[in-house]
Amino acid sequence: SFLDEPFYGEVSLKLDADESVAKVLVEIASPADYKIFEVYRDQILKTIRADIVSDNRGVRVKLTSRESIQSPFFNLVLKIRYGRVTHFKKYRFSLSSQSQFRRLWRTSPCHL
């Protein structure tokens, strides 16, 4: 994703053999959770959804927004529940503009 565009990201979700995708709940942590972890919660998180996807690429959390993201940096804490167990995982996102990306690409292209 780029700055000033709707957000799209994916996070791999590893399940044990005895765990069922249907019983996993994933959401973006609440403001109270962010306070507990002493992490800044950007208002842009209100526009981002977390959905579980399971297909031939595996199980993952799809993060999307309909609105453009105006914040170049933000912390996202996922809250993952399975039964009575709750796990939290923090991710830090850094978005650049497309023009910055193109400029960097022209100066140092990647060769495979």
C-alpha atoms as a PDB file:
ATOM      1  CA  SER A   1       0.000   0.000   0.000  1.00  0.00           C
ATOM      2  CA  PHE A   2       0.988   3.593  -0.572  1.00  0.00           C
ATOM      3  CA  LEU A   3       0.247   6.808   1.236  1.00  0.00           C
ATOM      4  CA  ASP A   4      -2.982   8.524   0.089  1.00  0.00           C
ATOM      5  CA  GLU A   5      -4.461   5.225  -1.131  1.00  0.00           C
ATOM      6  CA  PRO A   6      -6.762   2.661   0.489  1.00  0.00           C
ATOM      7  CA  PHE A   7      -4.775   0.256   2.661  1.00  0.00           C
ATOM      8  CA  TYR A   8      -4.216  -3.400   1.820  1.00  0.00           C
ATOM      9  CA  GLY A   9      -2.048  -5.799   3.775  1.00  0.00           C
ATOM     10  CA  GLU A  10      -1.866  -9.456   4.732  1.00  0.00           C
ATOM     11  CA  VAL A  11      -0.550 -11.191   7.832  1.00  0.00           C
ATOM     12  CA  SER A  12       0.111 -14.932   7.820  1.00  0.00           C
ATOM     13  CA  LEU A  13      -1.780 -16.850  10.500  1.00  0.00           C
ATOM     14  CA  LYS A  14      -0.240 -20.106  11.727  1.00  0.00           C
ATOM     15  CA  LEU A  15      -2.663 -22.574  13.295  1.00  0.00           C
ATOM     16  CA  ASP A  16      -1.846 -25.795  15.107  1.00  0.00           C
ATOM     17  CA  ALA A  17      -3.132 -29.011  13.516  1.00  0.00           C
ATOM     18  CA  ASP A  18      -5.986 -29.257  16.033  1.00  0.00           C
ATOM     19  CA  GLU A  19      -7.126 -25.629  15.606  1.00  0.00           C
ATOM     20  CA  SER A  20     -10.027 -24.728  13.311  1.00  0.00           C
ATOM     21  CA  VAL A  21     -10.153 -21.498  11.293  1.00  0.00           C
ATOM     22  CA  ALA A  22     -13.879 -21.282  12.035  1.00  0.00           C
ATOM     23  CA  LYS A  23     -13.128 -20.865  15.755  1.00  0.00           C
ATOM     24  CA  VAL A  24     -10.546 -18.096  15.367  1.00  0.00           C
ATOM     25  CA  LEU A  25     -11.648 -14.496  15.912  1.00  0.00           C
ATOM     26  CA  VAL A  26      -9.426 -11.654  14.742  1.00  0.00           C
ATOM     27  CA  GLU A  27      -9.907  -7.940  15.270  1.00  0.00           C
ATOM     28  CA  ILE A  28      -7.895  -4.776  15.612  1.00  0.00           C
ATOM     29  CA  ALA A  29      -7.215  -4.210  19.296  1.00  0.00           C
ATOM     30  CA  SER A  30      -9.429  -1.741  21.146  1.00  0.00           C
ATOM     31  CA  PRO A  31      -8.251   1.650  22.433  1.00  0.00           C
ATOM     32  CA  ALA A  32      -8.112   0.103  25.946  1.00  0.00           C
ATOM     33  CA  ASP A  33      -5.787  -2.651  24.655  1.00  0.00           C
ATOM     34  CA  TYR A  34      -3.508  -0.042  23.101  1.00  0.00           C
ATOM     35  CA  LYS A  35      -3.318   1.758  26.459  1.00  0.00           C
ATOM     36  CA  ILE A  36      -2.342  -1.451  28.243  1.00  0.00           C
ATOM     37  CA  PHE A  37       0.509  -1.993  25.777  1.00  0.00           C
ATOM     38  CA  GLU A  38       1.435   1.719  25.869  1.00  0.00           C
ATOM     39  CA  VAL A  39       1.193   1.970  22.087  1.00  0.00           C
ATOM     40  CA  TYR A  40      -0.171   4.996  20.227  1.00  0.00           C
ATOM     41  CA  ARG A  41      -3.455   4.200  18.447  1.00  0.00           C
ATOM     42  CA  ASP A  42      -3.836   6.291  15.312  1.00  0.00           C
ATOM     43  CA  GLN A  43      -7.405   7.312  14.436  1.00  0.00           C
ATOM     44  CA  ILE A  44      -6.935   5.813  10.958  1.00  0.00           C
ATOM     45  CA  LEU A  45      -7.368   2.353  12.517  1.00  0.00           C
ATOM     46  CA  LYS A  46     -11.112   3.010  12.718  1.00  0.00           C
ATOM     47  CA  THR A  47     -11.193   2.624   8.917  1.00  0.00           C
ATOM     48  CA  ILE A  48      -9.187  -0.633   8.679  1.00  0.00           C
ATOM     49  CA  ARG A  49     -10.896  -4.044   8.726  1.00  0.00           C
ATOM     50  CA  ALA A  50      -9.330  -7.363   9.703  1.00  0.00           C
ATOM     51  CA  ASP A  51     -10.796 -10.456   8.008  1.00  0.00           C
ATOM     52  CA  ILE A  52      -9.613 -14.062   8.088  1.00  0.00           C
ATOM     53  CA  VAL A  53      -9.041 -15.634   4.685  1.00  0.00           C
ATOM     54  CA  SER A  54      -8.331 -19.324   4.073  1.00  0.00           C
ATOM     55  CA  ASP A  55      -7.584 -20.553   0.577  1.00  0.00           C
ATOM     56  CA  ASN A  56      -4.847 -22.300  -1.419  1.00  0.00           C
ATOM     57  CA  ARG A  57      -2.347 -19.655  -0.196  1.00  0.00           C
ATOM     58  CA  GLY A  58      -3.043 -20.615   3.412  1.00  0.00           C
ATOM     59  CA  VAL A  59      -4.691 -18.917   6.368  1.00  0.00           C
ATOM     60  CA  ARG A  60      -4.079 -15.193   6.744  1.00  0.00           C
ATOM     61  CA  VAL A  61      -5.541 -11.978   8.057  1.00  0.00           C
ATOM     62  CA  LYS A  62      -6.502  -9.550   5.299  1.00  0.00           C
ATOM     63  CA  LEU A  63      -6.297  -5.896   6.360  1.00  0.00           C
ATOM     64  CA  THR A  64      -8.199  -3.418   4.200  1.00  0.00           C
ATOM     65  CA  SER A  65      -9.610   0.090   4.239  1.00  0.00           C
ATOM     66  CA  ARG A  66     -12.016   1.847   1.920  1.00  0.00           C
ATOM     67  CA  GLU A  67     -10.571   5.240   2.745  1.00  0.00           C
ATOM     68  CA  SER A  68      -7.168   6.573   1.773  1.00  0.00           C
ATOM     69  CA  ILE A  69      -4.527   6.374   4.473  1.00  0.00           C
ATOM     70  CA  GLN A  70      -3.087   9.792   5.274  1.00  0.00           C
ATOM     71  CA  SER A  71      -0.743   8.695   8.042  1.00  0.00           C
ATOM     72  CA  PRO A  72       2.756   7.651   6.891  1.00  0.00           C
ATOM     73  CA  PHE A  73       3.384   5.597  10.072  1.00  0.00           C
ATOM     74  CA  PHE A  74       1.000   3.698  12.305  1.00  0.00           C
ATOM     75  CA  ASN A  75       0.989   0.811  14.775  1.00  0.00           C
ATOM     76  CA  LEU A  76      -1.514  -1.955  14.305  1.00  0.00           C
ATOM     77  CA  VAL A  77      -2.177  -4.421  17.114  1.00  0.00           C
ATOM     78  CA  LEU A  78      -4.098  -7.550  16.160  1.00  0.00           C
ATOM     79  CA  LYS A  79      -6.172  -9.289  18.796  1.00  0.00           C
ATOM     80  CA  ILE A  80      -6.526 -12.994  18.017  1.00  0.00           C
ATOM     81  CA  ARG A  81      -8.845 -15.184  20.074  1.00  0.00           C
ATOM     82  CA  TYR A  82      -9.258 -18.937  20.087  1.00  0.00           C
ATOM     83  CA  GLY A  83     -11.505 -20.306  22.811  1.00  0.00           C
ATOM     84  CA  ARG A  84     -10.458 -18.716  26.094  1.00  0.00           C
ATOM     85  CA  VAL A  85      -7.005 -17.752  24.856  1.00  0.00           C
ATOM     86  CA  THR A  86      -6.232 -14.277  23.516  1.00  0.00           C
ATOM     87  CA  HIS A  87      -3.012 -13.351  21.707  1.00  0.00           C
ATOM     88  CA  PHE A  88      -1.837  -9.897  20.654  1.00  0.00           C
ATOM     89  CA  LYS A  89       0.647  -9.094  17.905  1.00  0.00           C
ATOM     90  CA  LYS A  90       1.958  -5.602  17.115  1.00  0.00           C
ATOM     91  CA  TYR A  91       2.934  -4.480  13.611  1.00  0.00           C
ATOM     92  CA  ARG A  92       4.436  -1.145  12.611  1.00  0.00           C
ATOM     93  CA  PHE A  93       3.535   0.091   9.151  1.00  0.00           C
ATOM     94  CA  SER A  94       5.462   2.693   7.197  1.00  0.00           C
ATOM     95  CA  LEU A  95       3.869   3.913   3.973  1.00  0.00           C
ATOM     96  CA  SER A  96       5.586   5.943   1.291  1.00  0.00           C
ATOM     97  CA  SER A  97       4.027   7.799  -1.593  1.00  0.00           C
ATOM     98  CA  GLN A  98       4.064   6.274  -5.059  1.00  0.00           C
ATOM     99  CA  SER A  99       6.317   9.082  -6.295  1.00  0.00           C
ATOM    100  CA  GLN A 100       8.891   8.286  -3.569  1.00  0.00           C
ATOM    101  CA  PHE A 101       8.736   4.617  -4.502  1.00  0.00           C
ATOM    102  CA  ARG A 102       9.249   5.335  -8.212  1.00  0.00           C
ATOM    103  CA  ARG A 103      12.182   7.641  -7.430  1.00  0.00           C
ATOM    104  CA  LEU A 104      13.828   4.949  -5.281  1.00  0.00           C
ATOM    105  CA  TRP A 105      13.153   2.288  -7.896  1.00  0.00           C
ATOM    106  CA  ARG A 106      14.816   4.331 -10.655  1.00  0.00           C
ATOM    107  CA  THR A 107      17.919   4.971  -8.563  1.00  0.00           C
ATOM    108  CA  SER A 108      18.380   1.396  -7.298  1.00  0.00           C
ATOM    109  CA  PRO A 109      16.371  -1.205  -9.254  1.00  0.00           C
ATOM    110  CA  CYS A 110      16.321  -4.738  -7.945  1.00  0.00           C
ATOM    111  CA  HIS A 111      17.712  -7.427 -10.244  1.00  0.00           C
ATOM    112  CA  LEU A 112      16.580 -11.024  -9.835  1.00  0.00           C
END
